[in-house]
PDB file of N, CA and C in Angstrom:
ATOM      1  N   MET A   1      94.593  70.933  87.194  1.00  0.00           N
ATOM      2  CA  MET A   1      95.360  71.093  88.418  1.00  0.00           C
ATOM      3  C   MET A   1      94.436  71.069  89.660  1.00  0.00           C
ATOM      4  N   ALA A   2      94.791  70.367  90.601  1.00  0.00           N
ATOM      5  CA  ALA A   2      94.078  70.321  91.871  1.00  0.00           C
ATOM      6  C   ALA A   2      95.049  70.676  93.028  1.00  0.00           C
ATOM      7  N   ILE A   3      94.509  71.353  94.002  1.00  0.00           N
ATOM      8  CA  ILE A   3      95.350  71.865  95.109  1.00  0.00           C
ATOM      9  C   ILE A   3      94.760  71.427  96.472  1.00  0.00           C
ATOM     10  N   THR A   4      95.552  71.425  97.486  1.00  0.00           N
ATOM     11  CA  THR A   4      95.205  70.979  98.808  1.00  0.00           C
ATOM     12  C   THR A   4      94.215  72.001  99.423  1.00  0.00           C
ATOM     13  N   ILE A   5      93.577  71.576 100.469  1.00  0.00           N
ATOM     14  CA  ILE A   5      92.675  72.424 101.159  1.00  0.00           C
ATOM     15  C   ILE A   5      93.374  73.669 101.751  1.00  0.00           C
ATOM     16  N   SER A   6      94.620  73.480 102.196  1.00  0.00           N
ATOM     17  CA  SER A   6      95.311  74.636 102.841  1.00  0.00           C
ATOM     18  C   SER A   6      95.666  75.619 101.726  1.00  0.00           C
ATOM     19  N   ALA A   7      96.022  75.151 100.570  1.00  0.00           N
ATOM     20  CA  ALA A   7      96.323  76.090  99.447  1.00  0.00           C
ATOM     21  C   ALA A   7      95.036  76.753  99.009  1.00  0.00           C
ATOM     22  N   ALA A   8      93.977  75.997  98.975  1.00  0.00           N
ATOM     23  CA  ALA A   8      92.609  76.577  98.570  1.00  0.00           C
ATOM     24  C   ALA A   8      92.241  77.625  99.560  1.00  0.00           C
ATOM     25  N   ALA A   9      92.460  77.392 100.833  1.00  0.00           N
ATOM     26  CA  ALA A   9      92.078  78.389 101.875  1.00  0.00           C
ATOM     27  C   ALA A   9      92.973  79.633 101.688  1.00  0.00           C
ATOM     28  N   ARG A  10      94.180  79.447 101.439  1.00  0.00           N
ATOM     29  CA  ARG A  10      95.114  80.615 101.207  1.00  0.00           C
ATOM     30  C   ARG A  10      94.645  81.417 100.029  1.00  0.00           C
ATOM     31  N   LEU A  11      94.342  80.746  98.965  1.00  0.00           N
ATOM     32  CA  LEU A  11      93.951  81.434  97.682  1.00  0.00           C
ATOM     33  C   LEU A  11      92.556  82.096  97.747  1.00  0.00           C
ATOM     34  N   SER A  12      91.686  81.443  98.501  1.00  0.00           N
ATOM     35  CA  SER A  12      90.272  81.923  98.570  1.00  0.00           C
ATOM     36  C   SER A  12      90.098  82.956  99.676  1.00  0.00           C
ATOM     37  N   GLY A  13      91.010  82.947 100.645  1.00  0.00           N
ATOM     38  CA  GLY A  13      90.892  83.935 101.786  1.00  0.00           C
ATOM     39  C   GLY A  13      89.892  83.435 102.880  1.00  0.00           C
ATOM     40  N   VAL A  14      89.445  82.185 102.771  1.00  0.00           N
ATOM     41  CA  VAL A  14      88.630  81.626 103.894  1.00  0.00           C
ATOM     42  C   VAL A  14      89.385  80.477 104.519  1.00  0.00           C
ATOM     43  N   SER A  15      89.002  80.073 105.653  1.00  0.00           N
ATOM     44  CA  SER A  15      89.673  79.016 106.334  1.00  0.00           C
ATOM     45  C   SER A  15      89.386  77.685 105.793  1.00  0.00           C
ATOM     46  N   ALA A  16      90.252  76.745 106.136  1.00  0.00           N
ATOM     47  CA  ALA A  16      89.992  75.310 105.692  1.00  0.00           C
ATOM     48  C   ALA A  16      88.648  74.883 106.334  1.00  0.00           C
ATOM     49  N   HIS A  17      88.466  75.279 107.552  1.00  0.00           N
ATOM     50  CA  HIS A  17      87.223  74.923 108.267  1.00  0.00           C
ATOM     51  C   HIS A  17      86.009  75.385 107.446  1.00  0.00           C
ATOM     52  N   THR A  18      86.062  76.645 106.987  1.00  0.00           N
ATOM     53  CA  THR A  18      84.923  77.191 106.173  1.00  0.00           C
ATOM     54  C   THR A  18      84.766  76.419 104.880  1.00  0.00           C
ATOM     55  N   LEU A  19      85.839  76.066 104.201  1.00  0.00           N
ATOM     56  CA  LEU A  19      85.711  75.277 103.052  1.00  0.00           C
ATOM     57  C   LEU A  19      85.098  73.899 103.290  1.00  0.00           C
ATOM     58  N   ARG A  20      85.448  73.294 104.348  1.00  0.00           N
ATOM     59  CA  ARG A  20      84.788  71.977 104.743  1.00  0.00           C
ATOM     60  C   ARG A  20      83.309  72.224 105.002  1.00  0.00           C
ATOM     61  N   TYR A  21      83.012  73.302 105.735  1.00  0.00           N
ATOM     62  CA  TYR A  21      81.611  73.634 106.041  1.00  0.00           C
ATOM     63  C   TYR A  21      80.793  73.833 104.781  1.00  0.00           C
ATOM     64  N   TYR A  22      81.355  74.639 103.848  1.00  0.00           N
ATOM     65  CA  TYR A  22      80.689  74.915 102.563  1.00  0.00           C
ATOM     66  C   TYR A  22      80.343  73.615 101.871  1.00  0.00           C
ATOM     67  N   GLU A  23      81.264  72.692 101.864  1.00  0.00           N
ATOM     68  CA  GLU A  23      80.997  71.393 101.240  1.00  0.00           C
ATOM     69  C   GLU A  23      79.920  70.583 101.954  1.00  0.00           C
ATOM     70  N   ARG A  24      80.060  70.529 103.330  1.00  0.00           N
ATOM     71  CA  ARG A  24      79.041  69.737 104.089  1.00  0.00           C
ATOM     72  C   ARG A  24      77.676  70.408 103.988  1.00  0.00           C
ATOM     73  N   ALA A  25      77.618  71.737 103.909  1.00  0.00           N
ATOM     74  CA  ALA A  25      76.334  72.444 103.847  1.00  0.00           C
ATOM     75  C   ALA A  25      75.685  72.376 102.484  1.00  0.00           C
ATOM     76  N   GLY A  26      76.367  71.766 101.478  1.00  0.00           N
ATOM     77  CA  GLY A  26      75.801  71.718 100.161  1.00  0.00           C
ATOM     78  C   GLY A  26      75.997  72.921  99.310  1.00  0.00           C
ATOM     79  N   LEU A  27      76.820  73.876  99.741  1.00  0.00           N
ATOM     80  CA  LEU A  27      77.102  74.995  98.962  1.00  0.00           C
ATOM     81  C   LEU A  27      78.075  74.735  97.865  1.00  0.00           C
ATOM     82  N   LEU A  28      78.924  73.735  98.046  1.00  0.00           N
ATOM     83  CA  LEU A  28      79.883  73.308  97.017  1.00  0.00           C
ATOM     84  C   LEU A  28      79.484  71.924  96.596  1.00  0.00           C
ATOM     85  N   ASP A  29      79.817  71.562  95.391  1.00  0.00           N
ATOM     86  CA  ASP A  29      79.651  70.185  94.914  1.00  0.00           C
ATOM     87  C   ASP A  29      80.719  69.411  95.746  1.00  0.00           C
ATOM     88  N   PRO A  30      80.498  68.101  95.869  1.00  0.00           N
ATOM     89  CA  PRO A  30      81.582  67.338  96.604  1.00  0.00           C
ATOM     90  C   PRO A  30      82.914  67.545  95.936  1.00  0.00           C
ATOM     91  N   VAL A  31      83.859  67.874  96.745  1.00  0.00           N
ATOM     92  CA  VAL A  31      85.239  68.143  96.320  1.00  0.00           C
ATOM     93  C   VAL A  31      85.959  66.832  96.053  1.00  0.00           C
ATOM     94  N   GLY A  32      86.707  66.781  95.003  1.00  0.00           N
ATOM     95  CA  GLY A  32      87.443  65.591  94.712  1.00  0.00           C
ATOM     96  C   GLY A  32      88.445  65.194  95.771  1.00  0.00           C
ATOM     97  N   ARG A  33      88.769  63.971  95.786  1.00  0.00           N
ATOM     98  CA  ARG A  33      89.741  63.476  96.788  1.00  0.00           C
ATOM     99  C   ARG A  33      90.960  62.801  96.162  1.00  0.00           C
ATOM    100  N   ASP A  34      92.079  62.954  96.793  1.00  0.00           N
ATOM    101  CA  ASP A  34      93.314  62.254  96.365  1.00  0.00           C
ATOM    102  C   ASP A  34      93.136  60.767  96.570  1.00  0.00           C
ATOM    103  N   ASP A  35      93.408  59.982  95.530  1.00  0.00           N
ATOM    104  CA  ASP A  35      93.239  58.546  95.632  1.00  0.00           C
ATOM    105  C   ASP A  35      94.042  57.887  96.736  1.00  0.00           C
ATOM    106  N   SER A  36      95.261  58.363  96.949  1.00  0.00           N
ATOM    107  CA  SER A  36      96.120  57.672  97.981  1.00  0.00           C
ATOM    108  C   SER A  36      95.813  58.108  99.340  1.00  0.00           C
ATOM    109  N   SER A  37      95.639  59.425  99.587  1.00  0.00           N
ATOM    110  CA  SER A  37      95.448  59.873 100.938  1.00  0.00           C
ATOM    111  C   SER A  37      94.006  60.203 101.300  1.00  0.00           C
ATOM    112  N   GLY A  38      93.133  60.408 100.322  1.00  0.00           N
ATOM    113  CA  GLY A  38      91.758  60.751 100.603  1.00  0.00           C
ATOM    114  C   GLY A  38      91.594  62.227 100.930  1.00  0.00           C
ATOM    115  N   HIS A  39      92.640  63.036 100.866  1.00  0.00           N
ATOM    116  CA  HIS A  39      92.623  64.417 101.159  1.00  0.00           C
ATOM    117  C   HIS A  39      91.829  65.193 100.033  1.00  0.00           C
ATOM    118  N   ARG A  40      91.175  66.216 100.411  1.00  0.00           N
ATOM    119  CA  ARG A  40      90.400  67.089  99.399  1.00  0.00           C
ATOM    120  C   ARG A  40      91.438  67.655  98.397  1.00  0.00           C
ATOM    121  N   ARG A  41      90.975  67.756  97.205  1.00  0.00           N
ATOM    122  CA  ARG A  41      91.761  68.439  96.127  1.00  0.00           C
ATOM    123  C   ARG A  41      90.841  69.381  95.394  1.00  0.00           C
ATOM    124  N   PHE A  42      91.081  70.639  95.591  1.00  0.00           N
ATOM    125  CA  PHE A  42      90.235  71.656  94.989  1.00  0.00           C
ATOM    126  C   PHE A  42      90.660  72.041  93.576  1.00  0.00           C
ATOM    127  N   THR A  43      89.767  72.219  92.683  1.00  0.00           N
ATOM    128  CA  THR A  43      90.061  72.568  91.295  1.00  0.00           C
ATOM    129  C   THR A  43      89.781  74.071  91.150  1.00  0.00           C
ATOM    130  N   GLU A  44      90.152  74.557  89.947  1.00  0.00           N
ATOM    131  CA  GLU A  44      89.824  75.995  89.684  1.00  0.00           C
ATOM    132  C   GLU A  44      88.379  76.253  89.733  1.00  0.00           C
ATOM    133  N   HIS A  45      87.559  75.264  89.244  1.00  0.00           N
ATOM    134  CA  HIS A  45      86.104  75.399  89.298  1.00  0.00           C
ATOM    135  C   HIS A  45      85.623  75.534  90.763  1.00  0.00           C
ATOM    136  N   ASP A  46      86.169  74.681  91.620  1.00  0.00           N
ATOM    137  CA  ASP A  46      85.845  74.816  93.101  1.00  0.00           C
ATOM    138  C   ASP A  46      86.158  76.177  93.610  1.00  0.00           C
ATOM    139  N   LEU A  47      87.367  76.677  93.263  1.00  0.00           N
ATOM    140  CA  LEU A  47      87.748  77.946  93.787  1.00  0.00           C
ATOM    141  C   LEU A  47      86.870  79.103  93.283  1.00  0.00           C
ATOM    142  N   ALA A  48      86.527  79.000  92.033  1.00  0.00           N
ATOM    143  CA  ALA A  48      85.585  80.063  91.439  1.00  0.00           C
ATOM    144  C   ALA A  48      84.254  79.995  92.121  1.00  0.00           C
ATOM    145  N   ARG A  49      83.804  78.818  92.463  1.00  0.00           N
ATOM    146  CA  ARG A  49      82.533  78.691  93.220  1.00  0.00           C
ATOM    147  C   ARG A  49      82.684  79.303  94.619  1.00  0.00           C
ATOM    148  N   VAL A  50      83.795  78.993  95.231  1.00  0.00           N
ATOM    149  CA  VAL A  50      84.026  79.547  96.635  1.00  0.00           C
ATOM    150  C   VAL A  50      84.018  81.093  96.510  1.00  0.00           C
ATOM    151  N   GLU A  51      84.728  81.630  95.535  1.00  0.00           N
ATOM    152  CA  GLU A  51      84.781  83.076  95.391  1.00  0.00           C
ATOM    153  C   GLU A  51      83.414  83.647  95.235  1.00  0.00           C
ATOM    154  N   PHE A  52      82.606  83.035  94.423  1.00  0.00           N
ATOM    155  CA  PHE A  52      81.215  83.557  94.179  1.00  0.00           C
ATOM    156  C   PHE A  52      80.380  83.406  95.452  1.00  0.00           C
ATOM    157  N   LEU A  53      80.526  82.324  96.145  1.00  0.00           N
ATOM    158  CA  LEU A  53      79.814  82.135  97.447  1.00  0.00           C
ATOM    159  C   LEU A  53      80.136  83.193  98.450  1.00  0.00           C
ATOM    160  N   CYS A  54      81.490  83.442  98.530  1.00  0.00           N
ATOM    161  CA  CYS A  54      81.950  84.514  99.462  1.00  0.00           C
ATOM    162  C   CYS A  54      81.361  85.882  99.089  1.00  0.00           C
ATOM    163  N   LYS A  55      81.239  86.136  97.832  1.00  0.00           N
ATOM    164  CA  LYS A  55      80.656  87.373  97.389  1.00  0.00           C
ATOM    165  C   LYS A  55      79.183  87.462  97.741  1.00  0.00           C
ATOM    166  N   LEU A  56      78.467  86.432  97.524  1.00  0.00           N
ATOM    167  CA  LEU A  56      77.063  86.426  97.937  1.00  0.00           C
ATOM    168  C   LEU A  56      76.948  86.577  99.423  1.00  0.00           C
ATOM    169  N   ARG A  57      77.796  85.899 100.258  1.00  0.00           N
ATOM    170  CA  ARG A  57      77.720  86.088 101.616  1.00  0.00           C
ATOM    171  C   ARG A  57      78.079  87.443 102.050  1.00  0.00           C
ATOM    172  N   ALA A  58      79.110  88.081 101.428  1.00  0.00           N
ATOM    173  CA  ALA A  58      79.521  89.421 101.688  1.00  0.00           C
ATOM    174  C   ALA A  58      78.351  90.459 101.493  1.00  0.00           C
ATOM    175  N   THR A  59      77.527  90.086 100.577  1.00  0.00           N
ATOM    176  CA  THR A  59      76.360  91.003 100.282  1.00  0.00           C
ATOM    177  C   THR A  59      75.195  90.735 101.211  1.00  0.00           C
ATOM    178  N   GLY A  60      75.390  89.781 102.161  1.00  0.00           N
ATOM    179  CA  GLY A  60      74.388  89.520 103.113  1.00  0.00           C
ATOM    180  C   GLY A  60      73.364  88.427 102.738  1.00  0.00           C
ATOM    181  N   MET A  61      73.612  87.708 101.685  1.00  0.00           N
ATOM    182  CA  MET A  61      72.636  86.617 101.344  1.00  0.00           C
ATOM    183  C   MET A  61      72.803  85.552 102.444  1.00  0.00           C
ATOM    184  N   PRO A  62      71.658  85.158 103.005  1.00  0.00           N
ATOM    185  CA  PRO A  62      71.729  84.044 104.032  1.00  0.00           C
ATOM    186  C   PRO A  62      72.150  82.728 103.477  1.00  0.00           C
ATOM    187  N   ILE A  63      72.744  81.989 104.329  1.00  0.00           N
ATOM    188  CA  ILE A  63      73.265  80.663 103.950  1.00  0.00           C
ATOM    189  C   ILE A  63      72.162  79.876 103.288  1.00  0.00           C
ATOM    190  N   ARG A  64      70.939  79.874 103.800  1.00  0.00           N
ATOM    191  CA  ARG A  64      69.850  79.075 103.235  1.00  0.00           C
ATOM    192  C   ARG A  64      69.572  79.473 101.793  1.00  0.00           C
ATOM    193  N   GLU A  65      69.700  80.748 101.488  1.00  0.00           N
ATOM    194  CA  GLU A  65      69.492  81.183 100.100  1.00  0.00           C
ATOM    195  C   GLU A  65      70.658  80.792  99.221  1.00  0.00           C
ATOM    196  N   VAL A  66      71.892  80.879  99.764  1.00  0.00           N
ATOM    197  CA  VAL A  66      73.037  80.506  99.017  1.00  0.00           C
ATOM    198  C   VAL A  66      72.907  79.018  98.702  1.00  0.00           C
ATOM    199  N   ARG A  67      72.474  78.208  99.663  1.00  0.00           N
ATOM    200  CA  ARG A  67      72.308  76.795  99.457  1.00  0.00           C
ATOM    201  C   ARG A  67      71.251  76.537  98.378  1.00  0.00           C
ATOM    202  N   ARG A  68      70.145  77.285  98.436  1.00  0.00           N
ATOM    203  CA  ARG A  68      69.094  77.131  97.429  1.00  0.00           C
ATOM    204  C   ARG A  68      69.693  77.452  96.030  1.00  0.00           C
ATOM    205  N   TYR A  69      70.387  78.517  95.956  1.00  0.00           N
ATOM    206  CA  TYR A  69      71.050  78.904  94.699  1.00  0.00           C
ATOM    207  C   TYR A  69      71.995  77.878  94.208  1.00  0.00           C
ATOM    208  N   ALA A  70      72.808  77.317  95.055  1.00  0.00           N
ATOM    209  CA  ALA A  70      73.722  76.231  94.677  1.00  0.00           C
ATOM    210  C   ALA A  70      72.972  74.996  94.153  1.00  0.00           C
ATOM    211  N   GLU A  71      71.820  74.693  94.868  1.00  0.00           N
ATOM    212  CA  GLU A  71      71.041  73.572  94.360  1.00  0.00           C
ATOM    213  C   GLU A  71      70.505  73.782  92.964  1.00  0.00           C
ATOM    214  N   LEU A  72      70.081  75.022  92.706  1.00  0.00           N
ATOM    215  CA  LEU A  72      69.607  75.345  91.343  1.00  0.00           C
ATOM    216  C   LEU A  72      70.697  75.184  90.350  1.00  0.00           C
ATOM    217  N   ILE A  73      71.895  75.706  90.641  1.00  0.00           N
ATOM    218  CA  ILE A  73      72.987  75.482  89.736  1.00  0.00           C
ATOM    219  C   ILE A  73      73.242  74.028  89.365  1.00  0.00           C
ATOM    220  N   ARG A  74      73.204  73.212  90.427  1.00  0.00           N
ATOM    221  CA  ARG A  74      73.388  71.780  90.209  1.00  0.00           C
ATOM    222  C   ARG A  74      72.293  71.178  89.260  1.00  0.00           C
ATOM    223  N   ARG A  75      71.145  71.709  89.328  1.00  0.00           N
ATOM    224  CA  ARG A  75      70.033  71.216  88.524  1.00  0.00           C
ATOM    225  C   ARG A  75      70.163  71.616  87.020  1.00  0.00           C
ATOM    226  N   GLY A  76      71.059  72.572  86.733  1.00  0.00           N
ATOM    227  CA  GLY A  76      71.331  72.887  85.322  1.00  0.00           C
ATOM    228  C   GLY A  76      70.592  74.106  84.791  1.00  0.00           C
ATOM    229  N   ASP A  77      70.722  74.243  83.493  1.00  0.00           N
ATOM    230  CA  ASP A  77      70.201  75.388  82.771  1.00  0.00           C
ATOM    231  C   ASP A  77      68.639  75.545  82.909  1.00  0.00           C
ATOM    232  N   ALA A  78      67.973  74.470  83.167  1.00  0.00           N
ATOM    233  CA  ALA A  78      66.518  74.552  83.302  1.00  0.00           C
ATOM    234  C   ALA A  78      66.101  75.454  84.451  1.00  0.00           C
ATOM    235  N   THR A  79      67.080  75.733  85.341  1.00  0.00           N
ATOM    236  CA  THR A  79      66.757  76.673  86.527  1.00  0.00           C
ATOM    237  C   THR A  79      67.200  78.052  86.332  1.00  0.00           C
ATOM    238  N   ASN A  80      67.629  78.434  85.089  1.00  0.00           N
ATOM    239  CA  ASN A  80      68.139  79.724  84.862  1.00  0.00           C
ATOM    240  C   ASN A  80      67.123  80.829  85.259  1.00  0.00           C
ATOM    241  N   ALA A  81      65.875  80.636  84.923  1.00  0.00           N
ATOM    242  CA  ALA A  81      64.848  81.681  85.261  1.00  0.00           C
ATOM    243  C   ALA A  81      64.711  81.825  86.766  1.00  0.00           C
ATOM    244  N   GLN A  82      64.807  80.717  87.518  1.00  0.00           N
ATOM    245  CA  GLN A  82      64.702  80.800  89.003  1.00  0.00           C
ATOM    246  C   GLN A  82      65.909  81.470  89.572  1.00  0.00           C
ATOM    247  N   ARG A  83      67.117  81.166  89.046  1.00  0.00           N
ATOM    248  CA  ARG A  83      68.326  81.820  89.470  1.00  0.00           C
ATOM    249  C   ARG A  83      68.308  83.300  89.198  1.00  0.00           C
ATOM    250  N   LEU A  84      67.869  83.692  87.975  1.00  0.00           N
ATOM    251  CA  LEU A  84      67.706  85.075  87.679  1.00  0.00           C
ATOM    252  C   LEU A  84      66.816  85.797  88.692  1.00  0.00           C
ATOM    253  N   GLU A  85      65.689  85.192  89.005  1.00  0.00           N
ATOM    254  CA  GLU A  85      64.704  85.757  89.901  1.00  0.00           C
ATOM    255  C   GLU A  85      65.384  85.935  91.286  1.00  0.00           C
ATOM    256  N   MET A  86      66.084  84.919  91.711  1.00  0.00           N
ATOM    257  CA  MET A  86      66.775  85.022  93.047  1.00  0.00           C
ATOM    258  C   MET A  86      67.774  86.191  93.047  1.00  0.00           C
ATOM    259  N   ILE A  87      68.589  86.253  92.039  1.00  0.00           N
ATOM    260  CA  ILE A  87      69.684  87.235  91.983  1.00  0.00           C
ATOM    261  C   ILE A  87      69.063  88.665  91.898  1.00  0.00           C
ATOM    262  N   GLU A  88      68.019  88.728  91.032  1.00  0.00           N
ATOM    263  CA  GLU A  88      67.332  90.077  90.984  1.00  0.00           C
ATOM    264  C   GLU A  88      66.718  90.528  92.317  1.00  0.00           C
ATOM    265  N   ALA A  89      66.125  89.590  92.991  1.00  0.00           N
ATOM    266  CA  ALA A  89      65.540  89.919  94.329  1.00  0.00           C
ATOM    267  C   ALA A  89      66.679  90.314  95.302  1.00  0.00           C
ATOM    268  N   HIS A  90      67.744  89.531  95.246  1.00  0.00           N
ATOM    269  CA  HIS A  90      68.897  89.848  96.128  1.00  0.00           C
ATOM    270  C   HIS A  90      69.469  91.208  95.799  1.00  0.00           C
ATOM    271  N   ARG A  91      69.495  91.524  94.555  1.00  0.00           N
ATOM    272  CA  ARG A  91      70.026  92.835  94.095  1.00  0.00           C
ATOM    273  C   ARG A  91      69.230  93.957  94.752  1.00  0.00           C
ATOM    274  N   GLU A  92      67.902  93.804  94.796  1.00  0.00           N
ATOM    275  CA  GLU A  92      67.072  94.827  95.427  1.00  0.00           C
ATOM    276  C   GLU A  92      67.491  95.001  96.904  1.00  0.00           C
ATOM    277  N   VAL A  93      67.773  93.846  97.611  1.00  0.00           N
ATOM    278  CA  VAL A  93      68.162  93.950  98.966  1.00  0.00           C
ATOM    279  C   VAL A  93      69.515  94.665  99.100  1.00  0.00           C
ATOM    280  N   VAL A  94      70.408  94.310  98.218  1.00  0.00           N
ATOM    281  CA  VAL A  94      71.740  94.979  98.260  1.00  0.00           C
ATOM    282  C   VAL A  94      71.620  96.464  97.979  1.00  0.00           C
ATOM    283  N   LEU A  95      70.794  96.829  96.974  1.00  0.00           N
ATOM    284  CA  LEU A  95      70.556  98.254  96.724  1.00  0.00           C
ATOM    285  C   LEU A  95      69.987  98.983  97.925  1.00  0.00           C
ATOM    286  N   ALA A  96      69.051  98.370  98.582  1.00  0.00           N
ATOM    287  CA  ALA A  96      68.467  99.005  99.837  1.00  0.00           C
ATOM    288  C   ALA A  96      69.560  99.210 100.870  1.00  0.00           C
ATOM    289  N   ARG A  97      70.418  98.240 101.047  1.00  0.00           N
ATOM    290  CA  ARG A  97      71.526  98.356 102.024  1.00  0.00           C
ATOM    291  C   ARG A  97      72.459  99.425 101.643  1.00  0.00           C
ATOM    292  N   LEU A  98      72.734  99.576 100.287  1.00  0.00           N
ATOM    293  CA  LEU A  98      73.649 100.620  99.869  1.00  0.00           C
ATOM    294  C   LEU A  98      73.044 102.005 100.087  1.00  0.00           C
ATOM    295  N   GLU A  99      71.749 102.113  99.814  1.00  0.00           N
ATOM    296  CA  GLU A  99      71.083 103.388 100.104  1.00  0.00           C
ATOM    297  C   GLU A  99      71.104 103.755 101.553  1.00  0.00           C
ATOM    298  N   GLU A 100      70.934 102.788 102.414  1.00  0.00           N
ATOM    299  CA  GLU A 100      70.987 103.037 103.815  1.00  0.00           C
ATOM    300  C   GLU A 100      72.384 103.421 104.223  1.00  0.00           C
ATOM    301  N   ALA A 101      73.405 102.736 103.714  1.00  0.00           N
ATOM    302  CA  ALA A 101      74.797 103.099 103.993  1.00  0.00           C
ATOM    303  C   ALA A 101      75.133 104.513 103.516  1.00  0.00           C
ATOM    304  N   GLN A 102      74.598 104.922 102.352  1.00  0.00           N
ATOM    305  CA  GLN A 102      74.719 106.234 101.832  1.00  0.00           C
ATOM    306  C   GLN A 102      74.142 107.326 102.721  1.00  0.00           C
ATOM    307  N   ARG A 103      72.995 107.051 103.322  1.00  0.00           N
ATOM    308  CA  ARG A 103      72.312 107.973 104.257  1.00  0.00           C
ATOM    309  C   ARG A 103      73.171 108.054 105.480  1.00  0.00           C
ATOM    310  N   THR A 104      73.661 106.888 105.951  1.00  0.00           N
ATOM    311  CA  THR A 104      74.516 106.898 107.190  1.00  0.00           C
ATOM    312  C   THR A 104      75.757 107.712 106.916  1.00  0.00           C
ATOM    313  N   LEU A 105      76.391 107.520 105.819  1.00  0.00           N
ATOM    314  CA  LEU A 105      77.612 108.312 105.451  1.00  0.00           C
ATOM    315  C   LEU A 105      77.313 109.792 105.418  1.00  0.00           C
ATOM    316  N   GLU A 106      76.138 110.165 104.896  1.00  0.00           N
ATOM    317  CA  GLU A 106      75.783 111.571 104.818  1.00  0.00           C
ATOM    318  C   GLU A 106      75.700 112.173 106.246  1.00  0.00           C
ATOM    319  N   LEU A 107      75.089 111.340 107.165  1.00  0.00           N
ATOM    320  CA  LEU A 107      75.007 111.796 108.540  1.00  0.00           C
ATOM    321  C   LEU A 107      76.399 111.965 109.188  1.00  0.00           C
ATOM    322  N   VAL A 108      77.283 110.980 108.889  1.00  0.00           N
ATOM    323  CA  VAL A 108      78.638 111.079 109.432  1.00  0.00           C
ATOM    324  C   VAL A 108      79.360 112.325 108.832  1.00  0.00           C
ATOM    325  N   ASP A 109      79.198 112.552 107.574  1.00  0.00           N
ATOM    326  CA  ASP A 109      79.814 113.777 106.972  1.00  0.00           C
ATOM    327  C   ASP A 109      79.236 115.089 107.572  1.00  0.00           C
ATOM    328  N   PHE A 110      77.913 115.067 107.824  1.00  0.00           N
ATOM    329  CA  PHE A 110      77.319 116.241 108.424  1.00  0.00           C
ATOM    330  C   PHE A 110      77.907 116.478 109.830  1.00  0.00           C
ATOM    331  N   THR A 111      78.063 115.389 110.557  1.00  0.00           N
ATOM    332  CA  THR A 111      78.593 115.546 111.917  1.00  0.00           C
ATOM    333  C   THR A 111      80.041 116.022 111.876  1.00  0.00           C
ATOM    334  N   ILE A 112      80.827 115.460 111.020  1.00  0.00           N
ATOM    335  CA  ILE A 112      82.241 115.954 110.843  1.00  0.00           C
ATOM    336  C   ILE A 112      82.266 117.401 110.486  1.00  0.00           C
ATOM    337  N   ASN A 113      81.390 117.846 109.634  1.00  0.00           N
ATOM    338  CA  ASN A 113      81.378 119.252 109.216  1.00  0.00           C
ATOM    339  C   ASN A 113      80.964 120.124 110.407  1.00  0.00           C
ATOM    340  N   LEU A 114      80.049 119.707 111.218  1.00  0.00           N
ATOM    341  CA  LEU A 114      79.717 120.441 112.463  1.00  0.00           C
ATOM    342  C   LEU A 114      80.859 120.652 113.367  1.00  0.00           C
ATOM    343  N   TYR A 115      81.634 119.629 113.575  1.00  0.00           N
ATOM    344  CA  TYR A 115      82.776 119.731 114.453  1.00  0.00           C
ATOM    345  C   TYR A 115      83.876 120.633 113.823  1.00  0.00           C
ATOM    346  N   ARG A 116      84.053 120.481 112.523  1.00  0.00           N
ATOM    347  CA  ARG A 116      85.064 121.363 111.872  1.00  0.00           C
ATOM    348  C   ARG A 116      84.689 122.797 111.989  1.00  0.00           C
ATOM    349  N   GLU A 117      83.368 123.079 111.863  1.00  0.00           N
ATOM    350  CA  GLU A 117      82.915 124.468 111.978  1.00  0.00           C
ATOM    351  C   GLU A 117      83.175 124.990 113.416  1.00  0.00           C
ATOM    352  N   LYS A 118      82.938 124.116 114.376  1.00  0.00           N
ATOM    353  CA  LYS A 118      83.163 124.582 115.833  1.00  0.00           C
ATOM    354  C   LYS A 118      84.611 124.797 116.097  1.00  0.00           C
ATOM    355  N   LEU A 119      85.471 124.136 115.414  1.00  0.00           N
ATOM    356  CA  LEU A 119      86.927 124.164 115.677  1.00  0.00           C
ATOM    357  C   LEU A 119      87.636 125.308 114.908  1.00  0.00           C
ATOM    358  N   THR A 120      86.899 125.935 114.046  1.00  0.00           N
ATOM    359  CA  THR A 120      87.553 127.024 113.193  1.00  0.00           C
ATOM    360  C   THR A 120      87.086 128.351 113.652  1.00  0.00           C
TER     361      THR A 120
END
């Protein structure tokens, strides 16, 4: 089953413009086209890739790294070790951000408690 770009945008939660950009930027494999109209037709595989890309971006992975990761995927299983290394390195970055967010939350909670004490 293949769907239109507008349906893919709706299902993925990103705009049609973003989907086109991801394809142009090499983050997605070339998306199939309808023979009669030439319009893009997204498959379940394409949508799964978009979902994964969005998660990588949401964790702060730069586009250039996402592109590199996508290129490694296209090169096949011979790149599994490189992909693992990339994802493990990115995991460390995400963990550091989580730790910083936790420290920030602790400061916010401390400040809330100060105000609550002053108001009671």
